[in-house]
Amino acid sequence: MLTGKAVLGAAVCLGITLGPFSNLTLAQTPSAPSVQQAKPNSEEEIRKEIRELKQGQEAIQKELQEIKKLLLAKEGATRPTRPDKISISSRPFRGNDGARVVMVEFSDYQCPFCGRFYRDTLPLVDKEYIQAGKLKYVFNNLPLDDLHPVAFKAAQAVECAGDQGKFWDLHGRMFANQSVVGSGDFASQAKAIGLDMTQFEKCLASGKTEAAVRAGVAQAGSLGIQATPTFVIGLVDEKNPADNNIKILTIIGGAYPFPVFKSAIDKALAEGGK
């Protein structure tokens, strides 16, 4: 009987790759082979075993390809198709309400990368596009509960501030003071911007704004967005500018530097004809 080593050596000589069979031991080599041991048709036996191994490998590869096809078909059937539009109805925004280009941010008040975007990149976007009336900037919530335990409540607090017309005031303070947000001390931030504390605390305790926050999470999920910050850049329908369903042009996942946003916004402006 041939050893695995003999088969492998012959396979190499013949230019055949045995793949997953390369670790097989076909037989144990006798510790003291007899000098008189006959080796009839040894070359033919080697070739036969190699052919059998090769045929087995081809059969396994064929089966794996079939399994791959089944898995891909199943994945395609279960994966939802990403919408080509996003609704911005009822969400707070900054900039020109009539701007053709819209950027929607999905964010988390405890997310350090979201804080970095707010501090480093948003001011540049604001100066060049929002203040110039070229871009409508919309905010939506995507608190990552598993990573940031108070982010959902922070989002509710900011929505409650919106009930008093001070959404952006508390929004800004949350990102500027993320260490305070982490402690769950929303009251000090609310007082700092002059909110009616009785109304604010009642709103927060009642869970009144929970549905608004969950709607943001659901919308992000429908778009396949799972990380923060993520930005959706799109166009308002030219024929129906009152339509709050915005055509999605691109999605930017991450707190990239300003040039990345500039490139995407400029491209959207060019497509929008402005």
C-alpha atoms as a PDB file:
ATOM      1  CA  MET A   1       0.000   0.000   0.000  1.00  0.00           C
ATOM      2  CA  LEU A   2       1.273   3.502  -0.863  1.00  0.00           C
ATOM      3  CA  THR A   3       1.820   6.197   1.693  1.00  0.00           C
ATOM      4  CA  GLY A   4       0.218   9.608   1.436  1.00  0.00           C
ATOM      5  CA  LYS A   5       3.695  11.051   0.958  1.00  0.00           C
ATOM      6  CA  ALA A   6       4.282   8.898  -2.091  1.00  0.00           C
ATOM      7  CA  VAL A   7       0.999   9.947  -3.633  1.00  0.00           C
ATOM      8  CA  LEU A   8       1.658  13.606  -2.955  1.00  0.00           C
ATOM      9  CA  GLY A   9       5.154  13.335  -4.429  1.00  0.00           C
ATOM     10  CA  ALA A  10       3.803  11.791  -7.568  1.00  0.00           C
ATOM     11  CA  ALA A  11       1.059  14.391  -7.778  1.00  0.00           C
ATOM     12  CA  VAL A  12       3.593  17.182  -7.697  1.00  0.00           C
ATOM     13  CA  CYS A  13       5.592  15.534 -10.451  1.00  0.00           C
ATOM     14  CA  LEU A  14       2.468  15.213 -12.575  1.00  0.00           C
ATOM     15  CA  GLY A  15       1.407  18.810 -11.970  1.00  0.00           C
ATOM     16  CA  ILE A  16      -1.787  17.908 -10.076  1.00  0.00           C
ATOM     17  CA  THR A  17      -3.002  19.879  -7.062  1.00  0.00           C
ATOM     18  CA  LEU A  18      -4.735  17.769  -4.486  1.00  0.00           C
ATOM     19  CA  GLY A  19      -6.124  20.714  -2.507  1.00  0.00           C
ATOM     20  CA  PRO A  20      -8.051  19.611   0.595  1.00  0.00           C
ATOM     21  CA  PHE A  21      -6.804  16.059   0.181  1.00  0.00           C
ATOM     22  CA  SER A  22      -3.186  17.075   0.721  1.00  0.00           C
ATOM     23  CA  ASN A  23      -3.407  16.303   4.436  1.00  0.00           C
ATOM     24  CA  LEU A  24      -4.773  12.791   4.030  1.00  0.00           C
ATOM     25  CA  THR A  25      -2.676   9.827   5.170  1.00  0.00           C
ATOM     26  CA  LEU A  26      -3.482   6.888   2.946  1.00  0.00           C
ATOM     27  CA  ALA A  27      -1.485   4.306   4.875  1.00  0.00           C
ATOM     28  CA  GLN A  28       1.204   4.020   7.472  1.00  0.00           C
ATOM     29  CA  THR A  29       4.695   3.341   6.198  1.00  0.00           C
ATOM     30  CA  PRO A  30       6.025   0.051   7.584  1.00  0.00           C
ATOM     31  CA  SER A  31       8.828   0.659  10.040  1.00  0.00           C
ATOM     32  CA  ALA A  32      11.065  -1.988   8.455  1.00  0.00           C
ATOM     33  CA  PRO A  33      10.124  -2.708   4.862  1.00  0.00           C
ATOM     34  CA  SER A  34      11.269  -6.074   3.523  1.00  0.00           C
ATOM     35  CA  VAL A  35      13.920  -5.986   0.871  1.00  0.00           C
ATOM     36  CA  GLN A  36      12.062  -8.733  -0.975  1.00  0.00           C
ATOM     37  CA  GLN A  37       8.728  -6.775  -0.929  1.00  0.00           C
ATOM     38  CA  ALA A  38       7.338  -6.717  -4.448  1.00  0.00           C
ATOM     39  CA  LYS A  39       6.142  -3.472  -6.003  1.00  0.00           C
ATOM     40  CA  PRO A  40       4.127  -4.528  -9.052  1.00  0.00           C
ATOM     41  CA  ASN A  41       2.585  -1.795 -11.205  1.00  0.00           C
ATOM     42  CA  SER A  42       3.588   0.874  -8.666  1.00  0.00           C
ATOM     43  CA  GLU A  43       3.439   3.717 -11.206  1.00  0.00           C
ATOM     44  CA  GLU A  44       0.011   2.657 -12.455  1.00  0.00           C
ATOM     45  CA  GLU A  45      -1.287   2.397  -8.880  1.00  0.00           C
ATOM     46  CA  ILE A  46      -0.041   5.914  -8.147  1.00  0.00           C
ATOM     47  CA  ARG A  47      -1.725   7.276 -11.238  1.00  0.00           C
ATOM     48  CA  LYS A  48      -4.965   5.486 -10.387  1.00  0.00           C
ATOM     49  CA  GLU A  49      -5.055   6.856  -6.847  1.00  0.00           C
ATOM     50  CA  ILE A  50      -4.275  10.363  -8.112  1.00  0.00           C
ATOM     51  CA  ARG A  51      -7.134  10.130 -10.608  1.00  0.00           C
ATOM     52  CA  GLU A  52      -9.498   9.035  -7.856  1.00  0.00           C
ATOM     53  CA  LEU A  53      -8.380  11.853  -5.602  1.00  0.00           C
ATOM     54  CA  LYS A  54      -8.738  14.368  -8.398  1.00  0.00           C
ATOM     55  CA  GLN A  55     -12.226  13.115  -9.211  1.00  0.00           C
ATOM     56  CA  GLY A  56     -13.183  13.390  -5.552  1.00  0.00           C
ATOM     57  CA  GLN A  57     -11.858  16.929  -5.382  1.00  0.00           C
ATOM     58  CA  GLU A  58     -13.783  17.921  -8.501  1.00  0.00           C
ATOM     59  CA  ALA A  59     -16.971  16.459  -7.030  1.00  0.00           C
ATOM     60  CA  ILE A  60     -16.524  18.441  -3.805  1.00  0.00           C
ATOM     61  CA  GLN A  61     -15.814  21.652  -5.733  1.00  0.00           C
ATOM     62  CA  LYS A  62     -18.950  21.115  -7.808  1.00  0.00           C
ATOM     63  CA  GLU A  63     -21.009  20.575  -4.658  1.00  0.00           C
ATOM     64  CA  LEU A  64     -19.573  23.702  -3.040  1.00  0.00           C
ATOM     65  CA  GLN A  65     -20.507  25.731  -6.116  1.00  0.00           C
ATOM     66  CA  GLU A  66     -24.074  24.446  -5.860  1.00  0.00           C
ATOM     67  CA  ILE A  67     -24.213  25.363  -2.173  1.00  0.00           C
ATOM     68  CA  LYS A  68     -22.864  28.833  -2.998  1.00  0.00           C
ATOM     69  CA  LYS A  69     -25.572  29.331  -5.622  1.00  0.00           C
ATOM     70  CA  LEU A  70     -28.280  28.318  -3.135  1.00  0.00           C
ATOM     71  CA  LEU A  71     -26.936  30.684  -0.466  1.00  0.00           C
ATOM     72  CA  LEU A  72     -26.707  33.591  -2.903  1.00  0.00           C
ATOM     73  CA  ALA A  73     -30.239  32.951  -4.129  1.00  0.00           C
ATOM     74  CA  LYS A  74     -31.515  32.853  -0.549  1.00  0.00           C
ATOM     75  CA  GLU A  75     -29.662  36.043   0.339  1.00  0.00           C
ATOM     76  CA  GLY A  76     -31.056  37.819  -2.696  1.00  0.00           C
ATOM     77  CA  ALA A  77     -34.569  36.741  -1.800  1.00  0.00           C
ATOM     78  CA  THR A  78     -34.385  37.855   1.834  1.00  0.00           C
ATOM     79  CA  ARG A  79     -32.396  41.079   1.477  1.00  0.00           C
ATOM     80  CA  PRO A  80     -34.783  44.034   1.139  1.00  0.00           C
ATOM     81  CA  THR A  81     -34.268  46.344  -1.786  1.00  0.00           C
ATOM     82  CA  ARG A  82     -32.947  49.701  -0.667  1.00  0.00           C
ATOM     83  CA  PRO A  83     -35.420  52.514  -1.362  1.00  0.00           C
ATOM     84  CA  ASP A  84     -34.371  55.061  -3.963  1.00  0.00           C
ATOM     85  CA  LYS A  85     -35.996  57.886  -1.974  1.00  0.00           C
ATOM     86  CA  ILE A  86     -35.961  59.112   1.609  1.00  0.00           C
ATOM     87  CA  SER A  87     -38.683  61.075   3.389  1.00  0.00           C
ATOM     88  CA  ILE A  88     -37.688  64.203   5.293  1.00  0.00           C
ATOM     89  CA  SER A  89     -41.220  65.002   6.412  1.00  0.00           C
ATOM     90  CA  SER A  90     -41.499  66.490   9.915  1.00  0.00           C
ATOM     91  CA  ARG A  91     -37.746  66.498  10.494  1.00  0.00           C
ATOM     92  CA  PRO A  92     -35.902  69.636  11.676  1.00  0.00           C
ATOM     93  CA  PHE A  93     -33.675  71.277   9.104  1.00  0.00           C
ATOM     94  CA  ARG A  94     -31.277  74.158   8.623  1.00  0.00           C
ATOM     95  CA  GLY A  95     -30.789  76.262   5.528  1.00  0.00           C
ATOM     96  CA  ASN A  96     -32.914  77.113   2.541  1.00  0.00           C
ATOM     97  CA  ASP A  97     -36.204  75.193   2.582  1.00  0.00           C
ATOM     98  CA  GLY A  98     -36.316  75.577  -1.199  1.00  0.00           C
ATOM     99  CA  ALA A  99     -32.817  74.217  -1.836  1.00  0.00           C
ATOM    100  CA  ARG A 100     -32.728  71.498  -4.468  1.00  0.00           C
ATOM    101  CA  VAL A 101     -29.952  69.510  -2.740  1.00  0.00           C
ATOM    102  CA  VAL A 102     -30.617  67.912   0.639  1.00  0.00           C
ATOM    103  CA  MET A 103     -28.251  66.227   3.087  1.00  0.00           C
ATOM    104  CA  VAL A 104     -29.759  64.050   5.830  1.00  0.00           C
ATOM    105  CA  GLU A 105     -27.557  63.079   8.762  1.00  0.00           C
ATOM    106  CA  PHE A 106     -28.283  59.980  10.858  1.00  0.00           C
ATOM    107  CA  SER A 107     -26.509  60.490  14.145  1.00  0.00           C
ATOM    108  CA  ASP A 108     -26.060  59.554  17.805  1.00  0.00           C
ATOM    109  CA  TYR A 109     -25.426  62.128  20.560  1.00  0.00           C
ATOM    110  CA  GLN A 110     -22.939  59.862  22.338  1.00  0.00           C
ATOM    111  CA  CYS A 111     -21.033  58.871  19.204  1.00  0.00           C
ATOM    112  CA  PRO A 112     -17.525  60.417  19.263  1.00  0.00           C
ATOM    113  CA  PHE A 113     -17.270  60.418  15.464  1.00  0.00           C
ATOM    114  CA  CYS A 114     -20.586  62.269  15.255  1.00  0.00           C
ATOM    115  CA  GLY A 115     -19.152  64.830  17.660  1.00  0.00           C
ATOM    116  CA  ARG A 116     -16.064  65.138  15.461  1.00  0.00           C
ATOM    117  CA  PHE A 117     -18.209  65.819  12.390  1.00  0.00           C
ATOM    118  CA  TYR A 118     -20.211  68.422  14.320  1.00  0.00           C
ATOM    119  CA  ARG A 119     -17.086  70.237  15.504  1.00  0.00           C
ATOM    120  CA  ASP A 120     -14.753  69.904  12.513  1.00  0.00           C
ATOM    121  CA  THR A 121     -16.703  69.392   9.311  1.00  0.00           C
ATOM    122  CA  LEU A 122     -20.219  70.747   9.742  1.00  0.00           C
ATOM    123  CA  PRO A 123     -19.022  74.371  10.206  1.00  0.00           C
ATOM    124  CA  LEU A 124     -17.317  74.175   6.785  1.00  0.00           C
ATOM    125  CA  VAL A 125     -20.398  72.639   5.157  1.00  0.00           C
ATOM    126  CA  ASP A 126     -22.499  75.314   6.851  1.00  0.00           C
ATOM    127  CA  LYS A 127     -20.356  78.194   5.609  1.00  0.00           C
ATOM    128  CA  GLU A 128     -20.046  77.064   2.001  1.00  0.00           C
ATOM    129  CA  TYR A 129     -23.432  75.482   1.362  1.00  0.00           C
ATOM    130  CA  ILE A 130     -26.055  75.899   4.081  1.00  0.00           C
ATOM    131  CA  GLN A 131     -25.627  79.626   4.666  1.00  0.00           C
ATOM    132  CA  ALA A 132     -25.292  80.151   0.914  1.00  0.00           C
ATOM    133  CA  GLY A 133     -28.752  78.649   0.403  1.00  0.00           C
ATOM    134  CA  LYS A 134     -27.415  75.769  -1.687  1.00  0.00           C
ATOM    135  CA  LEU A 135     -28.079  72.963   0.777  1.00  0.00           C
ATOM    136  CA  LYS A 136     -30.899  71.921   3.066  1.00  0.00           C
ATOM    137  CA  TYR A 137     -29.419  70.078   6.054  1.00  0.00           C
ATOM    138  CA  VAL A 138     -31.779  67.650   7.822  1.00  0.00           C
ATOM    139  CA  PHE A 139     -31.120  65.786  11.063  1.00  0.00           C
ATOM    140  CA  ASN A 140     -32.438  62.368  12.042  1.00  0.00           C
ATOM    141  CA  ASN A 141     -31.759  60.065  14.970  1.00  0.00           C
ATOM    142  CA  LEU A 142     -29.946  56.749  15.026  1.00  0.00           C
ATOM    143  CA  PRO A 143     -28.987  56.063  18.661  1.00  0.00           C
ATOM    144  CA  LEU A 144     -26.842  52.951  18.945  1.00  0.00           C
ATOM    145  CA  ASP A 145     -28.174  51.521  22.192  1.00  0.00           C
ATOM    146  CA  ASP A 146     -25.691  48.665  22.423  1.00  0.00           C
ATOM    147  CA  LEU A 147     -22.743  51.062  22.407  1.00  0.00           C
ATOM    148  CA  HIS A 148     -24.240  54.210  23.912  1.00  0.00           C
ATOM    149  CA  PRO A 149     -26.730  53.488  26.705  1.00  0.00           C
ATOM    150  CA  VAL A 150     -28.102  57.032  27.095  1.00  0.00           C
ATOM    151  CA  ALA A 151     -28.104  58.047  23.414  1.00  0.00           C
ATOM    152  CA  PHE A 152     -31.768  57.174  22.909  1.00  0.00           C
ATOM    153  CA  LYS A 153     -32.829  59.264  25.916  1.00  0.00           C
ATOM    154  CA  ALA A 154     -30.610  62.109  24.719  1.00  0.00           C
ATOM    155  CA  ALA A 155     -32.381  62.029  21.356  1.00  0.00           C
ATOM    156  CA  GLN A 156     -35.735  62.148  23.139  1.00  0.00           C
ATOM    157  CA  ALA A 157     -34.539  65.154  25.153  1.00  0.00           C
ATOM    158  CA  VAL A 158     -33.560  67.080  22.034  1.00  0.00           C
ATOM    159  CA  GLU A 159     -36.901  66.270  20.426  1.00  0.00           C
ATOM    160  CA  CYS A 160     -38.583  67.618  23.590  1.00  0.00           C
ATOM    161  CA  ALA A 161     -36.574  70.825  23.229  1.00  0.00           C
ATOM    162  CA  GLY A 162     -37.955  71.013  19.699  1.00  0.00           C
ATOM    163  CA  ASP A 163     -41.446  71.231  21.184  1.00  0.00           C
ATOM    164  CA  GLN A 164     -40.349  74.554  22.671  1.00  0.00           C
ATOM    165  CA  GLY A 165     -38.730  75.734  19.438  1.00  0.00           C
ATOM    166  CA  LYS A 166     -35.177  75.046  20.629  1.00  0.00           C
ATOM    167  CA  PHE A 167     -34.231  71.822  18.874  1.00  0.00           C
ATOM    168  CA  TRP A 168     -30.993  73.155  17.417  1.00  0.00           C
ATOM    169  CA  ASP A 169     -30.004  74.846  20.688  1.00  0.00           C
ATOM    170  CA  LEU A 170     -30.045  71.616  22.686  1.00  0.00           C
ATOM    171  CA  HIS A 171     -28.761  69.646  19.702  1.00  0.00           C
ATOM    172  CA  GLY A 172     -25.642  71.818  19.646  1.00  0.00           C
ATOM    173  CA  ARG A 173     -25.072  71.595  23.374  1.00  0.00           C
ATOM    174  CA  MET A 174     -25.356  67.810  23.321  1.00  0.00           C
ATOM    175  CA  PHE A 175     -22.568  67.491  20.769  1.00  0.00           C
ATOM    176  CA  ALA A 176     -20.456  70.207  22.391  1.00  0.00           C
ATOM    177  CA  ASN A 177     -20.707  68.510  25.802  1.00  0.00           C
ATOM    178  CA  GLN A 178     -20.686  64.797  25.064  1.00  0.00           C
ATOM    179  CA  SER A 179     -19.118  63.934  28.425  1.00  0.00           C
ATOM    180  CA  VAL A 180     -22.163  65.462  30.136  1.00  0.00           C
ATOM    181  CA  VAL A 181     -24.468  63.574  27.791  1.00  0.00           C
ATOM    182  CA  GLY A 182     -22.796  60.345  28.861  1.00  0.00           C
ATOM    183  CA  SER A 183     -23.706  61.026  32.474  1.00  0.00           C
ATOM    184  CA  GLY A 184     -27.361  61.439  31.530  1.00  0.00           C
ATOM    185  CA  ASP A 185     -27.496  65.006  32.853  1.00  0.00           C
ATOM    186  CA  PHE A 186     -29.855  66.543  30.321  1.00  0.00           C
ATOM    187  CA  ALA A 187     -31.420  68.958  32.802  1.00  0.00           C
ATOM    188  CA  SER A 188     -28.307  71.141  33.074  1.00  0.00           C
ATOM    189  CA  GLN A 189     -28.152  71.468  29.295  1.00  0.00           C
ATOM    190  CA  ALA A 190     -31.863  72.237  29.090  1.00  0.00           C
ATOM    191  CA  LYS A 191     -31.527  74.955  31.752  1.00  0.00           C
ATOM    192  CA  ALA A 192     -28.548  76.471  29.933  1.00  0.00           C
ATOM    193  CA  ILE A 193     -30.665  77.173  26.846  1.00  0.00           C
ATOM    194  CA  GLY A 194     -33.596  78.537  28.845  1.00  0.00           C
ATOM    195  CA  LEU A 195     -36.148  75.780  28.422  1.00  0.00           C
ATOM    196  CA  ASP A 196     -39.292  75.674  30.524  1.00  0.00           C
ATOM    197  CA  MET A 197     -38.029  72.907  32.808  1.00  0.00           C
ATOM    198  CA  THR A 198     -41.454  71.757  33.974  1.00  0.00           C
ATOM    199  CA  GLN A 199     -42.580  71.280  30.409  1.00  0.00           C
ATOM    200  CA  PHE A 200     -39.275  69.693  29.404  1.00  0.00           C
ATOM    201  CA  GLU A 201     -39.211  67.191  32.256  1.00  0.00           C
ATOM    202  CA  LYS A 202     -42.863  66.290  31.709  1.00  0.00           C
ATOM    203  CA  CYS A 203     -42.192  65.667  28.021  1.00  0.00           C
ATOM    204  CA  LEU A 204     -39.150  63.521  28.753  1.00  0.00           C
ATOM    205  CA  ALA A 205     -40.849  61.485  31.489  1.00  0.00           C
ATOM    206  CA  SER A 206     -43.937  60.824  29.372  1.00  0.00           C
ATOM    207  CA  GLY A 207     -42.024  59.320  26.453  1.00  0.00           C
ATOM    208  CA  LYS A 208     -43.852  61.687  24.133  1.00  0.00           C
ATOM    209  CA  THR A 209     -40.968  61.891  21.648  1.00  0.00           C
ATOM    210  CA  GLU A 210     -40.013  58.215  21.685  1.00  0.00           C
ATOM    211  CA  ALA A 211     -41.968  57.511  18.499  1.00  0.00           C
ATOM    212  CA  ALA A 212     -40.082  60.226  16.618  1.00  0.00           C
ATOM    213  CA  VAL A 213     -36.740  58.729  17.636  1.00  0.00           C
ATOM    214  CA  ARG A 214     -37.822  55.203  16.719  1.00  0.00           C
ATOM    215  CA  ALA A 215     -39.016  56.450  13.340  1.00  0.00           C
ATOM    216  CA  GLY A 216     -35.479  57.632  12.620  1.00  0.00           C
ATOM    217  CA  VAL A 217     -34.056  54.256  13.607  1.00  0.00           C
ATOM    218  CA  ALA A 218     -36.587  52.489  11.382  1.00  0.00           C
ATOM    219  CA  GLN A 219     -35.831  54.744   8.426  1.00  0.00           C
ATOM    220  CA  ALA A 220     -32.108  54.132   8.803  1.00  0.00           C
ATOM    221  CA  GLY A 221     -32.774  50.398   8.889  1.00  0.00           C
ATOM    222  CA  SER A 222     -34.789  50.539   5.677  1.00  0.00           C
ATOM    223  CA  LEU A 223     -31.761  52.108   3.993  1.00  0.00           C
ATOM    224  CA  GLY A 224     -29.339  49.547   5.385  1.00  0.00           C
ATOM    225  CA  ILE A 225     -27.697  52.160   7.613  1.00  0.00           C
ATOM    226  CA  GLN A 226     -26.276  50.663  10.811  1.00  0.00           C
ATOM    227  CA  ALA A 227     -23.492  53.035  11.847  1.00  0.00           C
ATOM    228  CA  THR A 228     -23.142  56.688  12.761  1.00  0.00           C
ATOM    229  CA  PRO A 229     -22.665  59.202  11.437  1.00  0.00           C
ATOM    230  CA  THR A 230     -24.124  58.400   8.036  1.00  0.00           C
ATOM    231  CA  PHE A 231     -25.206  60.993   5.492  1.00  0.00           C
ATOM    232  CA  VAL A 232     -27.718  60.696   2.677  1.00  0.00           C
ATOM    233  CA  ILE A 233     -27.372  63.256  -0.105  1.00  0.00           C
ATOM    234  CA  GLY A 234     -30.239  63.644  -2.533  1.00  0.00           C
ATOM    235  CA  LEU A 235     -32.347  65.860  -4.752  1.00  0.00           C
ATOM    236  CA  VAL A 236     -35.778  67.405  -4.378  1.00  0.00           C
ATOM    237  CA  ASP A 237     -38.142  66.588  -7.235  1.00  0.00           C
ATOM    238  CA  GLU A 238     -37.829  69.517  -9.634  1.00  0.00           C
ATOM    239  CA  LYS A 239     -41.397  69.091 -10.905  1.00  0.00           C
ATOM    240  CA  ASN A 240     -42.845  68.757  -7.406  1.00  0.00           C
ATOM    241  CA  PRO A 241     -40.648  70.690  -4.949  1.00  0.00           C
ATOM    242  CA  ALA A 242     -43.234  70.307  -2.181  1.00  0.00           C
ATOM    243  CA  ASP A 243     -42.685  66.529  -2.203  1.00  0.00           C
ATOM    244  CA  ASN A 244     -40.737  65.570   0.924  1.00  0.00           C
ATOM    245  CA  ASN A 245     -39.541  62.304  -0.634  1.00  0.00           C
ATOM    246  CA  ILE A 246     -36.005  63.022  -1.759  1.00  0.00           C
ATOM    247  CA  LYS A 247     -34.252  61.082  -4.522  1.00  0.00           C
ATOM    248  CA  ILE A 248     -31.119  59.454  -3.076  1.00  0.00           C
ATOM    249  CA  LEU A 249     -27.920  60.175  -4.979  1.00  0.00           C
ATOM    250  CA  THR A 250     -25.241  58.954  -2.590  1.00  0.00           C
ATOM    251  CA  ILE A 251     -24.672  57.757   0.969  1.00  0.00           C
ATOM    252  CA  ILE A 252     -21.557  58.689   2.935  1.00  0.00           C
ATOM    253  CA  GLY A 253     -20.820  56.444   5.895  1.00  0.00           C
ATOM    254  CA  GLY A 254     -18.427  58.049   8.366  1.00  0.00           C
ATOM    255  CA  ALA A 255     -17.064  61.362   9.668  1.00  0.00           C
ATOM    256  CA  TYR A 256     -14.944  62.073   6.622  1.00  0.00           C
ATOM    257  CA  PRO A 257     -13.086  65.357   6.143  1.00  0.00           C
ATOM    258  CA  PHE A 258     -14.753  68.252   4.382  1.00  0.00           C
ATOM    259  CA  PRO A 259     -13.379  67.527   0.850  1.00  0.00           C
ATOM    260  CA  VAL A 260     -15.370  64.269   0.716  1.00  0.00           C
ATOM    261  CA  PHE A 261     -18.608  66.135   1.447  1.00  0.00           C
ATOM    262  CA  LYS A 262     -17.672  68.962  -0.893  1.00  0.00           C
ATOM    263  CA  SER A 263     -17.170  66.524  -3.761  1.00  0.00           C
ATOM    264  CA  ALA A 264     -20.525  64.798  -3.155  1.00  0.00           C
ATOM    265  CA  ILE A 265     -22.470  68.047  -2.682  1.00  0.00           C
ATOM    266  CA  ASP A 266     -20.914  69.687  -5.746  1.00  0.00           C
ATOM    267  CA  LYS A 267     -21.825  66.644  -7.803  1.00  0.00           C
ATOM    268  CA  ALA A 268     -25.403  66.821  -6.532  1.00  0.00           C
ATOM    269  CA  LEU A 269     -25.578  70.533  -7.305  1.00  0.00           C
ATOM    270  CA  ALA A 270     -24.362  69.875 -10.825  1.00  0.00           C
ATOM    271  CA  GLU A 271     -26.984  67.169 -11.301  1.00  0.00           C
ATOM    272  CA  GLY A 272     -29.637  69.443  -9.878  1.00  0.00           C
ATOM    273  CA  GLY A 273     -28.715  72.207 -12.292  1.00  0.00           C
ATOM    274  CA  LYS A 274     -27.625  74.743  -9.677  1.00  0.00           C
END
